[in-house]
Amino acid sequence: MATPETDLSELSESQQLALQQYTSVTDQNVQEAIPLLQRSQWNVQIAIAKFFDGEADPVAEALAAQNVPPPRTSIQENLQQSLLNGATRSSRHQRQPDAAPRIVPQPDQDVVRRPPFLLAILFTPFNLLYRLLSTSLGLFSFLFPFLPRALRPGAPNGTARRANTGGRRSLKPTDSAARLKREFEEEYGSNNLPFYEGGYAQALDLAKRDLKFLIILLLSPEHDDTSSFIRETLLAPEVQTFVNDPTKNIILWTGDVRDSEAYQVSTALACNKFPFTAVIAHTPAQGSTSMSVIARVTGPMDASTYLAKLRTAISSHEDTLSAARAARSAQNFERNLRQEQDSAYERSLAADRERARQKREAEAAAAEEERRKKEDEEAATRLAEKKLQWRKWRASRIDPEPEAGTKDIVRIALKMPYAARITRNFKGDDGIEELYAFVDCYDLLAEASDAEVEEPTGYKHEFNFRLVQTLPRVVYEIGDGGTIGERVGRSGNLIVEPIKDDDEDEDEE
């Protein structure tokens, strides 16, 4: 019966996110993925494990959830079956893959360090004795060449343990790989083999990081079967196509045993026959980061046999690596998701901090503006008080109006801005400042006060008006000095003209 399609809009936000994570890893159809996620309680990790490993029995899962042991089945086994099963388990235990060796390239050239002169003189007798013994042993091995080979412990059959460089110059691993590729093309022509242009350690790290298969191909040009193996087997179109297939996730590293690094790899992999091919892959059963040799292909063979062995080795571990890649993709997705969430949280936190900073700055600016206004108001109030005190003080010191019969009198008619015309007599020898003080303190002269007013300290009074004669127009500035009689004459008609600030003029405009 067909499963009814589920409306994605009915799923919650967390369920839609879990569905997106699951489908990005497994590439399964959405309508097929939803029932599996529902059976997994929308747990992405459990669903991915069920997709790759298969679902367990629901009854067993229910019993396991209730902590009830599953029913025990009766086992009927005879002695022959026990021995057979024991032998099978022993063979499986013996077939565990070997750990891939980690090769650290040796220095290109050994640095010879000269000992101090005194030590050289001291050890000269021992050096001569060593040279004498080594020469004698060399002559002995030349006369009886079979004895050193037979007495050497642990030497594989037919394999010399000393690297035969053949006069080749020792290079760095990357340069050695480039030289091998160039020599290979010069000898066998152009090809499509994806040679890894780096050292063995770099190729091993790359295969471990990307969960790929590492194929190690060791060649010995001095071997008789090397040339035929390369031309008939390695350069066969089906082999090149298989190695270049990106879906196989293969890294091909080739080494010439005449080079130092390739020789160290052959020794570590116990290579006893050429041509030699080893397949290395990540084996989770051996450890979370272990790389193991899952197959060895030695000796000459036809292309179909060689390709079948490579396919068998790779296909037997492809499922394991696919599950590991899926788990790593899920981990990377979750890590990236957490990083994005953390980044979004940090950006939100930074935005909140910026808003808080701007708010604090605005509050500080408003407080500073309020303080400045308050200070300006207090300063204006103090200025007004001192100005009023000065006017009272100056009003108390204005001389009374002289009588009409007094000699040298100047009659002044003043047009006040806030009152009618005022006519008053002044002494001719009074300064022009007396006339300005009279106009400024006119409203206070009528107030009779017996209190003594002191002149305010730290205050310089400025008059906010000018005395002007209209016809002809003459401005009597207080800064010009002089007496009233000298400046005005016997009589005069003056207008009190207020002095306007620039701000007031702009407001009027």
Protein backbone atom coordinates (compact mmCIF):
# COMPACT_ATOMS: atom_id res chain seq x y z
CA MET A 1 0.00 0.00 0.00
CA ALA A 2 1.37 3.40 -0.96
CA THR A 3 2.29 5.71 1.89
CA PRO A 4 0.29 8.95 1.86
CA GLU A 5 2.39 11.99 1.24
CA THR A 6 3.08 14.18 4.27
CA ASP A 7 2.51 17.92 4.06
CA LEU A 8 5.81 19.62 4.93
CA SER A 9 3.95 22.65 6.27
CA GLU A 10 2.55 20.49 9.08
CA LEU A 11 6.06 19.78 10.40
CA SER A 12 7.50 21.95 13.14
CA GLU A 13 10.60 24.05 12.63
CA SER A 14 12.84 21.56 14.46
CA GLN A 15 11.42 18.67 12.45
CA GLN A 16 12.02 20.51 9.16
CA LEU A 17 15.60 21.20 10.25
CA ALA A 18 16.12 17.51 11.13
CA LEU A 19 14.66 16.51 7.76
CA GLN A 20 17.02 18.90 5.95
CA GLN A 21 20.07 17.51 7.83
CA TYR A 22 19.06 13.90 7.16
CA THR A 23 18.40 14.35 3.42
CA SER A 24 21.62 16.33 2.92
CA VAL A 25 23.60 13.38 4.30
CA THR A 26 21.67 10.40 2.87
CA ASP A 27 20.26 12.00 -0.32
CA GLN A 28 17.03 10.06 0.29
CA ASN A 29 13.59 11.04 -0.98
CA VAL A 30 11.79 13.39 1.40
CA GLN A 31 8.58 11.31 1.56
CA GLU A 32 10.64 8.18 2.29
CA ALA A 33 12.78 9.97 4.87
CA ILE A 34 9.89 11.27 7.00
CA PRO A 35 8.64 7.80 8.19
CA LEU A 36 12.20 6.78 9.13
CA LEU A 37 12.67 10.01 11.08
CA GLN A 38 9.32 9.47 12.80
CA ARG A 39 10.39 5.97 13.83
CA SER A 40 13.66 7.49 15.12
CA GLN A 41 11.81 10.11 17.19
CA TRP A 42 13.24 12.79 14.81
CA ASN A 43 16.79 12.04 16.00
CA VAL A 44 19.06 12.67 13.00
CA GLN A 45 21.96 10.54 14.28
CA ILE A 46 19.74 7.50 14.92
CA ALA A 47 18.03 7.89 11.54
CA ILE A 48 21.37 8.09 9.68
CA ALA A 49 22.63 4.99 11.52
CA LYS A 50 19.44 3.12 10.62
CA PHE A 51 19.74 4.21 6.97
CA PHE A 52 23.30 2.90 6.56
CA ASP A 53 23.31 -0.01 9.02
CA GLY A 54 19.70 -1.14 8.63
CA GLU A 55 16.91 -1.05 11.19
CA ALA A 56 16.87 -3.50 14.05
CA ASP A 57 13.95 -5.68 15.03
CA PRO A 58 11.20 -3.50 16.62
CA VAL A 59 10.55 -6.17 19.26
CA ALA A 60 14.23 -6.25 20.21
CA GLU A 61 14.29 -2.45 20.36
CA ALA A 62 11.22 -2.40 22.61
CA LEU A 63 12.74 -5.03 24.91
CA ALA A 64 16.01 -3.12 25.01
CA ALA A 65 14.13 0.08 25.82
CA GLN A 66 12.43 -1.69 28.76
CA ASN A 67 15.76 -3.15 29.93
CA VAL A 68 14.37 -6.66 29.36
CA PRO A 69 16.88 -9.20 28.08
CA PRO A 70 15.89 -10.79 24.77
CA PRO A 71 14.69 -14.38 24.83
CA ARG A 72 17.51 -16.90 24.77
CA THR A 73 17.44 -19.42 22.00
CA SER A 74 18.60 -22.90 22.61
CA ILE A 75 21.96 -23.73 21.07
CA GLN A 76 22.62 -27.23 19.83
CA GLU A 77 26.20 -27.80 18.83
CA ASN A 78 28.41 -30.84 18.66
CA LEU A 79 32.15 -31.14 19.10
CA GLN A 80 32.87 -30.97 15.37
CA GLN A 81 30.94 -27.70 14.98
CA SER A 82 32.73 -26.22 18.02
CA LEU A 83 36.13 -27.04 16.55
CA LEU A 84 35.04 -25.67 13.15
CA ASN A 85 33.72 -22.43 14.68
CA GLY A 86 36.89 -22.03 16.74
CA ALA A 87 39.03 -22.46 13.65
CA THR A 88 36.87 -19.94 11.78
CA ARG A 89 37.19 -17.37 14.54
CA SER A 90 40.94 -17.98 14.71
CA SER A 91 41.27 -17.46 10.97
CA ARG A 92 39.21 -14.28 11.16
CA HIS A 93 41.39 -13.05 13.97
CA GLN A 94 44.49 -13.78 11.92
CA ARG A 95 43.06 -11.94 8.91
CA GLN A 96 42.94 -8.63 10.74
CA PRO A 97 44.50 -5.95 8.48
CA ASP A 98 47.95 -4.70 9.31
CA ALA A 99 48.38 -1.12 10.38
CA ALA A 100 49.70 1.12 7.64
CA PRO A 101 53.23 2.28 8.50
CA ARG A 102 54.01 5.90 9.07
CA ILE A 103 57.20 6.76 7.17
CA VAL A 104 59.19 9.83 8.10
CA PRO A 105 61.54 10.70 5.22
CA GLN A 106 65.21 10.72 6.13
CA PRO A 107 67.32 13.82 5.45
CA ASP A 108 68.50 14.18 1.88
CA GLN A 109 72.14 14.33 2.87
CA ASP A 110 73.71 13.29 6.12
CA VAL A 111 75.63 16.14 7.67
CA VAL A 112 79.11 15.06 8.69
CA ARG A 113 80.14 16.83 11.86
CA ARG A 114 83.84 17.08 12.54
CA PRO A 115 84.81 16.30 16.13
CA PRO A 116 87.07 18.67 18.04
CA PHE A 117 90.76 18.41 17.26
CA LEU A 118 91.73 16.97 20.67
CA LEU A 119 89.05 14.26 20.47
CA ALA A 120 90.15 13.40 16.93
CA ILE A 121 93.72 12.84 18.16
CA LEU A 122 92.46 10.81 21.13
CA PHE A 123 90.31 8.45 19.00
CA THR A 124 92.82 8.04 16.15
CA PRO A 125 93.98 4.54 17.30
CA PHE A 126 90.39 3.30 17.53
CA ASN A 127 89.64 4.70 14.06
CA LEU A 128 92.62 2.86 12.56
CA LEU A 129 91.59 -0.38 14.28
CA TYR A 130 88.02 -0.05 12.94
CA ARG A 131 89.23 0.50 9.39
CA LEU A 132 91.52 -2.52 9.64
CA LEU A 133 88.71 -4.79 10.87
CA SER A 134 86.22 -3.51 8.27
CA THR A 135 88.74 -4.15 5.48
CA SER A 136 89.35 -7.71 6.74
CA LEU A 137 85.64 -8.44 6.97
CA GLY A 138 85.08 -6.99 3.49
CA LEU A 139 87.74 -9.31 2.09
CA PHE A 140 86.17 -12.26 3.95
CA SER A 141 82.73 -11.52 2.53
CA PHE A 142 84.20 -11.21 -0.97
CA LEU A 143 85.82 -14.65 -0.72
CA PHE A 144 82.72 -16.30 0.82
CA PRO A 145 79.72 -14.34 -0.54
CA PHE A 146 77.13 -16.93 0.60
CA LEU A 147 77.95 -16.69 4.31
CA PRO A 148 76.79 -13.09 5.05
CA ARG A 149 73.50 -13.73 3.21
CA ALA A 150 72.88 -16.98 5.12
CA LEU A 151 73.84 -15.55 8.53
CA ARG A 152 71.85 -12.32 8.17
CA PRO A 153 68.80 -12.64 10.53
CA GLY A 154 65.33 -11.73 9.38
CA ALA A 155 66.18 -11.04 5.75
CA PRO A 156 63.41 -11.95 3.31
CA ASN A 157 64.24 -14.40 0.59
CA GLY A 158 65.80 -12.83 -2.39
CA THR A 159 65.45 -9.28 -1.07
CA ALA A 160 68.47 -7.12 -0.33
CA ARG A 161 68.00 -4.85 2.66
CA ARG A 162 70.39 -2.22 1.45
CA ALA A 163 68.96 0.42 -0.82
CA ASN A 164 70.44 0.22 -4.29
CA THR A 165 70.25 3.78 -5.57
CA GLY A 166 71.90 2.98 -8.88
CA GLY A 167 73.68 6.30 -8.80
CA ARG A 168 70.43 8.28 -8.44
CA ARG A 169 70.62 11.57 -6.62
CA SER A 170 68.67 11.71 -3.38
CA LEU A 171 65.84 14.26 -3.56
CA LYS A 172 62.98 15.45 -1.42
CA PRO A 173 59.77 13.36 -1.57
CA THR A 174 57.97 15.90 -3.77
CA ASP A 175 60.90 16.16 -6.18
CA SER A 176 61.28 12.38 -6.24
CA ALA A 177 57.59 11.99 -7.22
CA ALA A 178 58.00 14.55 -10.02
CA ARG A 179 61.16 12.79 -11.26
CA LEU A 180 59.44 9.40 -11.23
CA LYS A 181 56.48 10.76 -13.21
CA ARG A 182 58.81 12.34 -15.77
CA GLU A 183 60.87 9.13 -16.14
CA PHE A 184 57.69 7.05 -16.40
CA GLU A 185 56.38 9.17 -19.27
CA GLU A 186 59.77 9.12 -21.03
CA GLU A 187 59.94 5.33 -20.79
CA TYR A 188 56.32 4.31 -21.40
CA GLY A 189 54.78 7.34 -23.09
CA SER A 190 51.93 9.58 -22.00
CA ASN A 191 49.23 8.03 -19.81
CA ASN A 192 46.21 8.91 -17.70
CA LEU A 193 47.44 7.50 -14.40
CA PRO A 194 46.72 10.00 -11.59
CA PHE A 195 50.14 9.96 -9.93
CA TYR A 196 50.11 11.75 -6.58
CA GLU A 197 52.79 14.41 -6.75
CA GLY A 198 53.91 14.31 -3.15
CA GLY A 199 55.46 12.14 -0.49
CA TYR A 200 54.05 8.95 1.01
CA ALA A 201 53.32 10.63 4.34
CA GLN A 202 51.36 13.39 2.60
CA ALA A 203 49.35 10.85 0.59
CA LEU A 204 48.60 8.85 3.75
CA ASP A 205 47.42 11.97 5.57
CA LEU A 206 45.24 12.96 2.61
CA ALA A 207 43.62 9.52 2.45
CA LYS A 208 42.99 9.62 6.20
CA ARG A 209 41.53 13.11 6.08
CA ASP A 210 39.27 12.57 3.04
CA LEU A 211 38.49 8.89 3.79
CA LYS A 212 39.86 7.67 0.46
CA PHE A 213 41.66 4.55 -0.69
CA LEU A 214 45.44 4.84 -1.01
CA ILE A 215 47.00 2.53 -3.59
CA ILE A 216 50.76 2.10 -3.08
CA LEU A 217 52.60 0.94 -6.23
CA LEU A 218 56.26 0.05 -5.71
CA LEU A 219 58.41 -0.54 -8.81
CA SER A 220 61.92 -1.86 -9.23
CA PRO A 221 63.32 -1.05 -12.70
CA GLU A 222 65.93 -3.77 -12.19
CA HIS A 223 63.20 -6.43 -11.93
CA ASP A 224 62.54 -8.44 -15.09
CA ASP A 225 58.73 -8.27 -14.85
CA THR A 226 58.47 -4.53 -14.22
CA SER A 227 58.39 -3.40 -17.85
CA SER A 228 55.82 -6.01 -18.96
CA PHE A 229 53.64 -5.35 -15.90
CA ILE A 230 53.53 -1.63 -16.61
CA ARG A 231 52.86 -1.96 -20.34
CA GLU A 232 50.34 -4.82 -20.26
CA THR A 233 48.67 -4.43 -16.86
CA LEU A 234 49.10 -0.98 -15.34
CA LEU A 235 48.62 0.92 -18.62
CA ALA A 236 45.64 -1.18 -19.69
CA PRO A 237 42.65 1.06 -20.51
CA GLU A 238 40.36 -0.65 -17.98
CA VAL A 239 42.90 -0.21 -15.19
CA GLN A 240 43.44 3.47 -16.00
CA THR A 241 39.69 4.04 -16.18
CA PHE A 242 39.16 2.35 -12.82
CA VAL A 243 41.92 4.31 -11.08
CA ASN A 244 40.68 7.62 -12.56
CA ASP A 245 37.05 7.02 -11.57
CA PRO A 246 36.24 9.79 -9.05
CA THR A 247 33.51 7.68 -7.45
CA LYS A 248 36.14 5.15 -6.32
CA ASN A 249 37.96 7.80 -4.22
CA ILE A 250 41.43 6.50 -5.09
CA ILE A 251 44.80 8.13 -4.46
CA LEU A 252 47.65 6.52 -6.43
CA TRP A 253 51.15 6.88 -5.00
CA THR A 254 53.99 5.32 -6.97
CA GLY A 255 57.54 4.88 -5.78
CA ASP A 256 60.83 3.68 -7.19
CA VAL A 257 62.68 1.53 -4.64
CA ARG A 258 65.93 3.17 -5.69
CA ASP A 259 64.66 6.30 -3.93
CA SER A 260 65.07 6.59 -0.18
CA GLU A 261 61.42 7.09 0.75
CA ALA A 262 60.10 4.33 -1.54
CA TYR A 263 62.71 1.94 -0.15
CA GLN A 264 61.63 2.75 3.42
CA VAL A 265 57.99 2.14 2.42
CA SER A 266 58.88 -1.23 0.84
CA THR A 267 60.71 -2.27 4.01
CA ALA A 268 57.83 -1.21 6.26
CA LEU A 269 55.26 -3.03 4.09
CA ALA A 270 57.41 -6.19 3.99
CA CYS A 271 57.64 -6.13 0.21
CA ASN A 272 59.33 -9.35 -0.97
CA LYS A 273 58.26 -9.47 -4.59
CA PHE A 274 57.92 -6.97 -7.41
CA PRO A 275 55.80 -5.42 -8.78
CA PHE A 276 54.12 -4.72 -5.45
CA THR A 277 50.74 -3.06 -4.86
CA ALA A 278 49.16 -2.35 -1.47
CA VAL A 279 45.72 -0.91 -0.78
CA ILE A 280 45.45 1.20 2.39
CA ALA A 281 42.19 2.47 3.85
CA HIS A 282 40.70 3.77 7.05
CA THR A 283 39.44 0.92 9.25
CA PRO A 284 37.23 2.19 12.10
CA ALA A 285 37.30 -1.23 13.76
CA GLN A 286 41.03 -0.85 14.35
CA GLY A 287 40.68 2.60 15.88
CA SER A 288 39.21 6.00 15.19
CA THR A 289 42.26 7.24 13.28
CA SER A 290 43.92 3.99 12.13
CA MET A 291 44.95 3.32 8.54
CA SER A 292 45.39 -0.33 7.63
CA VAL A 293 46.68 -2.36 4.70
CA ILE A 294 43.55 -4.12 3.45
CA ALA A 295 45.13 -5.88 0.46
CA ARG A 296 48.49 -6.78 -1.07
CA VAL A 297 48.90 -7.62 -4.75
CA THR A 298 52.36 -8.94 -5.65
CA GLY A 299 53.98 -10.28 -8.75
CA PRO A 300 53.12 -10.01 -12.42
CA MET A 301 49.58 -10.77 -13.60
CA ASP A 302 47.20 -9.85 -16.40
CA ALA A 303 45.08 -6.73 -16.29
CA SER A 304 41.77 -8.48 -15.55
CA THR A 305 43.18 -10.37 -12.56
CA TYR A 306 44.90 -7.25 -11.20
CA LEU A 307 41.76 -5.18 -11.63
CA ALA A 308 39.59 -7.86 -9.99
CA LYS A 309 41.81 -7.91 -6.90
CA LEU A 310 41.71 -4.14 -6.61
CA ARG A 311 37.92 -4.08 -6.99
CA THR A 312 37.47 -6.82 -4.42
CA ALA A 313 39.61 -4.99 -1.87
CA ILE A 314 37.90 -1.65 -2.47
CA SER A 315 34.33 -2.97 -2.60
CA SER A 316 34.80 -4.88 0.65
CA HIS A 317 35.53 -1.63 2.50
CA GLU A 318 33.44 0.80 0.47
CA ASP A 319 30.42 0.48 2.76
CA THR A 320 32.56 1.12 5.82
CA LEU A 321 34.08 4.25 4.31
CA SER A 322 30.67 5.43 3.05
CA ALA A 323 29.24 5.16 6.56
CA ALA A 324 32.27 6.97 7.94
CA ARG A 325 31.89 9.72 5.31
CA ALA A 326 28.18 10.06 6.13
CA ALA A 327 28.91 10.28 9.84
CA ARG A 328 31.65 12.82 9.21
CA SER A 329 29.36 14.83 6.93
CA ALA A 330 26.71 14.86 9.65
CA GLN A 331 29.32 15.96 12.19
CA ASN A 332 30.60 18.66 9.85
CA PHE A 333 27.05 19.82 9.16
CA GLU A 334 26.28 20.01 12.86
CA ARG A 335 29.59 21.75 13.55
CA ASN A 336 28.95 24.27 10.77
CA LEU A 337 25.42 24.75 12.02
CA ARG A 338 26.71 25.38 15.54
CA GLN A 339 29.33 27.76 14.18
CA GLU A 340 26.67 29.65 12.20
CA GLN A 341 24.45 29.78 15.28
CA ASP A 342 27.36 30.95 17.41
CA SER A 343 28.26 33.52 14.75
CA ALA A 344 24.66 34.73 14.58
CA TYR A 345 24.57 34.92 18.38
CA GLU A 346 27.83 36.87 18.42
CA ARG A 347 26.50 39.25 15.76
CA SER A 348 23.27 39.71 17.72
CA LEU A 349 25.25 40.23 20.91
CA ALA A 350 27.49 42.75 19.14
CA ALA A 351 24.42 44.57 17.81
CA ASP A 352 22.93 44.65 21.32
CA ARG A 353 26.21 45.98 22.68
CA GLU A 354 26.31 48.63 19.96
CA ARG A 355 22.73 49.70 20.72
CA ALA A 356 23.54 49.79 24.43
CA ARG A 357 26.65 51.86 23.71
CA GLN A 358 24.70 54.28 21.53
CA LYS A 359 22.03 54.54 24.21
CA ARG A 360 24.66 55.26 26.86
CA GLU A 361 26.28 57.85 24.61
CA ALA A 362 22.89 59.46 23.90
CA GLU A 363 22.06 59.53 27.60
CA ALA A 364 25.49 60.97 28.38
CA ALA A 365 25.08 63.59 25.63
CA ALA A 366 21.60 64.50 26.92
CA ALA A 367 22.94 64.73 30.46
CA GLU A 368 25.84 66.88 29.26
CA GLU A 369 23.44 69.13 27.31
CA GLU A 370 21.20 69.43 30.35
CA ARG A 371 24.20 70.26 32.54
CA ARG A 372 25.40 72.84 30.02
CA LYS A 373 21.97 74.44 29.82
CA LYS A 374 21.77 74.52 33.58
CA GLU A 375 25.21 76.11 33.81
CA ASP A 376 24.25 78.66 31.13
CA GLU A 377 21.05 79.47 33.01
CA GLU A 378 22.94 79.84 36.28
CA ALA A 379 25.56 81.99 34.58
CA ALA A 380 22.82 84.14 32.99
CA THR A 381 21.11 84.45 36.36
CA ARG A 382 24.35 85.48 38.06
CA LEU A 383 25.05 87.94 35.24
CA ALA A 384 21.57 89.43 35.56
CA GLU A 385 21.95 89.75 39.32
CA LYS A 386 25.33 91.46 38.98
CA LYS A 387 23.95 93.73 36.26
CA LEU A 388 21.02 94.75 38.48
CA GLN A 389 23.41 95.26 41.40
CA TRP A 390 25.63 97.45 39.22
CA ARG A 391 22.68 99.50 38.01
CA LYS A 392 21.52 100.06 41.60
CA TRP A 393 25.04 100.94 42.61
CA ARG A 394 25.44 103.31 39.66
CA ALA A 395 22.00 104.88 40.21
CA SER A 396 22.99 105.78 43.75
CA ARG A 397 25.99 107.70 42.40
CA ILE A 398 24.26 109.78 39.71
CA ASP A 399 24.34 113.45 40.67
CA PRO A 400 20.97 115.22 41.03
CA GLU A 401 19.77 117.43 38.20
CA PRO A 402 21.35 120.95 38.42
CA GLU A 403 19.02 123.91 38.75
CA ALA A 404 18.16 126.16 35.81
CA GLY A 405 20.29 129.05 36.96
CA THR A 406 23.42 127.00 37.29
CA LYS A 407 26.28 128.05 35.04
CA ASP A 408 27.40 125.80 32.16
CA ILE A 409 24.25 123.66 31.86
CA VAL A 410 23.51 121.34 28.93
CA ARG A 411 19.86 120.65 28.20
CA ILE A 412 19.32 117.18 26.71
CA ALA A 413 16.05 115.81 25.33
CA LEU A 414 16.07 111.95 25.26
CA LYS A 415 13.66 109.77 23.32
CA MET A 416 13.53 106.56 25.43
CA PRO A 417 12.54 103.29 23.75
CA TYR A 418 10.11 102.34 26.55
CA ALA A 419 8.88 105.82 27.70
CA ALA A 420 7.99 109.20 26.44
CA ARG A 421 10.45 111.99 25.73
CA ILE A 422 12.51 113.03 28.78
CA THR A 423 14.19 116.37 29.15
CA ARG A 424 16.93 116.84 31.75
CA ASN A 425 19.76 119.22 32.54
CA PHE A 426 23.31 117.93 32.90
CA LYS A 427 26.53 119.63 33.90
CA GLY A 428 28.67 120.52 30.96
CA ASP A 429 31.79 119.04 32.50
CA ASP A 430 30.16 115.63 33.19
CA GLY A 431 31.57 112.76 31.13
CA ILE A 432 29.56 111.13 28.35
CA GLU A 433 29.39 108.01 30.54
CA GLU A 434 27.20 109.97 32.99
CA LEU A 435 24.64 110.44 30.24
CA TYR A 436 24.72 106.70 29.40
CA ALA A 437 24.40 105.76 33.11
CA PHE A 438 21.39 108.05 33.49
CA VAL A 439 19.60 106.39 30.58
CA ASP A 440 20.46 102.86 31.78
CA CYS A 441 19.41 103.53 35.39
CA TYR A 442 16.43 105.80 34.66
CA ASP A 443 13.85 103.31 35.94
CA LEU A 444 15.73 102.95 39.24
CA LEU A 445 16.22 106.67 39.98
CA ALA A 446 12.68 107.09 41.21
CA GLU A 447 13.14 104.29 43.80
CA ALA A 448 14.28 105.78 47.07
CA SER A 449 16.47 103.39 49.02
CA ASP A 450 18.67 104.07 52.00
CA ALA A 451 20.52 100.76 51.69
CA GLU A 452 24.11 101.05 50.61
CA VAL A 453 24.78 99.02 47.44
CA GLU A 454 28.31 97.89 46.65
CA GLU A 455 29.78 97.63 43.24
CA PRO A 456 29.85 93.96 42.08
CA THR A 457 33.29 92.42 41.84
CA GLY A 458 34.47 90.72 38.70
CA TYR A 459 31.84 92.39 36.56
CA LYS A 460 32.31 94.77 33.62
CA HIS A 461 29.13 96.52 32.61
CA GLU A 462 28.32 96.94 28.94
CA PHE A 463 25.56 99.26 27.70
CA ASN A 464 23.14 97.66 25.24
CA PHE A 465 22.17 100.93 23.54
CA ARG A 466 23.65 103.92 21.73
CA LEU A 467 22.89 107.62 21.96
CA VAL A 468 22.30 108.98 18.46
CA GLN A 469 21.56 112.45 17.10
CA THR A 470 19.30 112.25 14.08
CA LEU A 471 19.88 115.42 12.08
CA PRO A 472 22.64 115.19 11.20
CA ARG A 473 23.17 111.60 12.37
CA VAL A 474 25.87 111.51 14.97
CA VAL A 475 26.59 108.52 17.23
CA TYR A 476 27.99 109.42 20.62
CA GLU A 477 30.02 106.36 21.49
CA ILE A 478 31.07 106.00 25.10
CA GLY A 479 34.45 104.76 24.09
CA ASP A 480 35.27 108.09 22.42
CA GLY A 481 35.34 109.82 25.82
CA GLY A 482 34.89 113.59 26.30
CA THR A 483 32.38 115.66 28.29
CA ILE A 484 28.74 116.27 27.54
CA GLY A 485 29.41 119.95 26.82
CA GLU A 486 32.19 119.16 24.41
CA ARG A 487 30.34 116.37 22.58
CA VAL A 488 26.72 117.67 22.53
CA GLY A 489 27.02 121.42 23.06
CA ARG A 490 24.50 123.62 24.89
CA SER A 491 21.53 121.39 24.04
CA GLY A 492 20.64 118.35 22.01
CA ASN A 493 17.92 115.94 20.98
CA LEU A 494 19.14 112.35 21.31
CA ILE A 495 17.53 109.02 20.57
CA VAL A 496 18.24 105.91 22.66
CA GLU A 497 18.92 103.29 19.98
CA PRO A 498 19.17 99.63 21.20
CA ILE A 499 22.13 97.62 20.02
CA LYS A 500 20.98 94.44 18.31
CA ASP A 501 23.06 91.26 18.22
CA ASP A 502 23.75 89.36 15.01
CA ASP A 503 21.45 86.52 16.16
CA GLU A 504 18.58 88.96 16.67
CA ASP A 505 19.16 90.47 13.22
CA GLU A 506 19.02 86.99 11.63
CA ASP A 507 15.79 86.16 13.53
CA GLU A 508 14.18 89.37 12.29
CA GLU A 509 15.21 88.60 8.71
